[in-house]
Amino acid sequence: MAYAEFDQVMVELVDYAYEDASFDDETLRLARFCLLDSIGCAVAASKDHD
């Protein structure tokens, strides 16, 4: 089996994703708005032929 070595940025991203973090209500509210905006843009772009 081959061993793949990952660069430091990838290791830090995985560590961040798996750590327990608590966010305040304002941060979660803003993240929700960003997610909804991204979904809205994706839906609007799906009708664009370009």
C-alpha atoms as a PDB file:
ATOM      1  CA  MET A   1       0.000   0.000   0.000  1.00  0.00           C
ATOM      2  CA  ALA A   2       1.393   3.400  -0.940  1.00  0.00           C
ATOM      3  CA  TYR A   3       1.742   6.133   1.680  1.00  0.00           C
ATOM      4  CA  ALA A   4       0.727   9.621   0.615  1.00  0.00           C
ATOM      5  CA  GLU A   5       2.151  12.577   2.488  1.00  0.00           C
ATOM      6  CA  PHE A   6      -0.095  15.613   2.668  1.00  0.00           C
ATOM      7  CA  ASP A   7       1.058  19.202   2.742  1.00  0.00           C
ATOM      8  CA  GLN A   8       0.725  21.248   5.935  1.00  0.00           C
ATOM      9  CA  VAL A   9      -2.291  23.263   4.718  1.00  0.00           C
ATOM     10  CA  MET A  10      -4.316  20.092   4.135  1.00  0.00           C
ATOM     11  CA  VAL A  11      -3.365  18.739   7.572  1.00  0.00           C
ATOM     12  CA  GLU A  12      -4.439  22.003   9.233  1.00  0.00           C
ATOM     13  CA  LEU A  13      -7.775  22.005   7.361  1.00  0.00           C
ATOM     14  CA  VAL A  14      -8.560  18.452   8.458  1.00  0.00           C
ATOM     15  CA  ASP A  15      -7.571  19.226  12.053  1.00  0.00           C
ATOM     16  CA  TYR A  16      -9.823  22.300  12.022  1.00  0.00           C
ATOM     17  CA  ALA A  17     -12.755  20.362  10.575  1.00  0.00           C
ATOM     18  CA  TYR A  18     -12.560  17.700  13.276  1.00  0.00           C
ATOM     19  CA  GLU A  19     -12.025  19.930  16.315  1.00  0.00           C
ATOM     20  CA  ASP A  20     -14.911  20.864  18.562  1.00  0.00           C
ATOM     21  CA  ALA A  21     -15.642  24.543  18.197  1.00  0.00           C
ATOM     22  CA  SER A  22     -18.408  26.674  19.579  1.00  0.00           C
ATOM     23  CA  PHE A  23     -19.684  29.721  17.761  1.00  0.00           C
ATOM     24  CA  ASP A  24     -21.858  32.506  19.054  1.00  0.00           C
ATOM     25  CA  ASP A  25     -25.330  33.126  17.660  1.00  0.00           C
ATOM     26  CA  GLU A  26     -24.268  36.083  15.505  1.00  0.00           C
ATOM     27  CA  THR A  27     -21.586  34.037  13.762  1.00  0.00           C
ATOM     28  CA  LEU A  28     -24.016  31.212  13.028  1.00  0.00           C
ATOM     29  CA  ARG A  29     -26.620  33.688  11.757  1.00  0.00           C
ATOM     30  CA  LEU A  30     -24.112  35.250   9.368  1.00  0.00           C
ATOM     31  CA  ALA A  31     -22.943  31.812   8.161  1.00  0.00           C
ATOM     32  CA  ARG A  32     -26.586  30.880   7.495  1.00  0.00           C
ATOM     33  CA  PHE A  33     -27.097  34.016   5.382  1.00  0.00           C
ATOM     34  CA  CYS A  34     -23.911  33.300   3.420  1.00  0.00           C
ATOM     35  CA  LEU A  35     -25.049  29.736   2.746  1.00  0.00           C
ATOM     36  CA  LEU A  36     -28.512  30.872   1.632  1.00  0.00           C
ATOM     37  CA  ASP A  37     -26.951  33.511  -0.638  1.00  0.00           C
ATOM     38  CA  SER A  38     -24.676  30.890  -2.204  1.00  0.00           C
ATOM     39  CA  ILE A  39     -27.617  28.552  -2.815  1.00  0.00           C
ATOM     40  CA  GLY A  40     -29.623  31.409  -4.334  1.00  0.00           C
ATOM     41  CA  CYS A  41     -26.764  32.318  -6.673  1.00  0.00           C
ATOM     42  CA  ALA A  42     -26.369  28.685  -7.722  1.00  0.00           C
ATOM     43  CA  VAL A  43     -30.073  28.387  -8.504  1.00  0.00           C
ATOM     44  CA  ALA A  44     -30.056  31.650 -10.475  1.00  0.00           C
ATOM     45  CA  ALA A  45     -26.950  30.591 -12.386  1.00  0.00           C
ATOM     46  CA  SER A  46     -28.472  27.225 -13.288  1.00  0.00           C
ATOM     47  CA  LYS A  47     -30.846  29.013 -15.658  1.00  0.00           C
ATOM     48  CA  ASP A  48     -28.020  30.893 -17.389  1.00  0.00           C
ATOM     49  CA  HIS A  49     -26.911  29.282 -20.631  1.00  0.00           C
ATOM     50  CA  ASP A  50     -23.384  30.728 -20.449  1.00  0.00           C
END
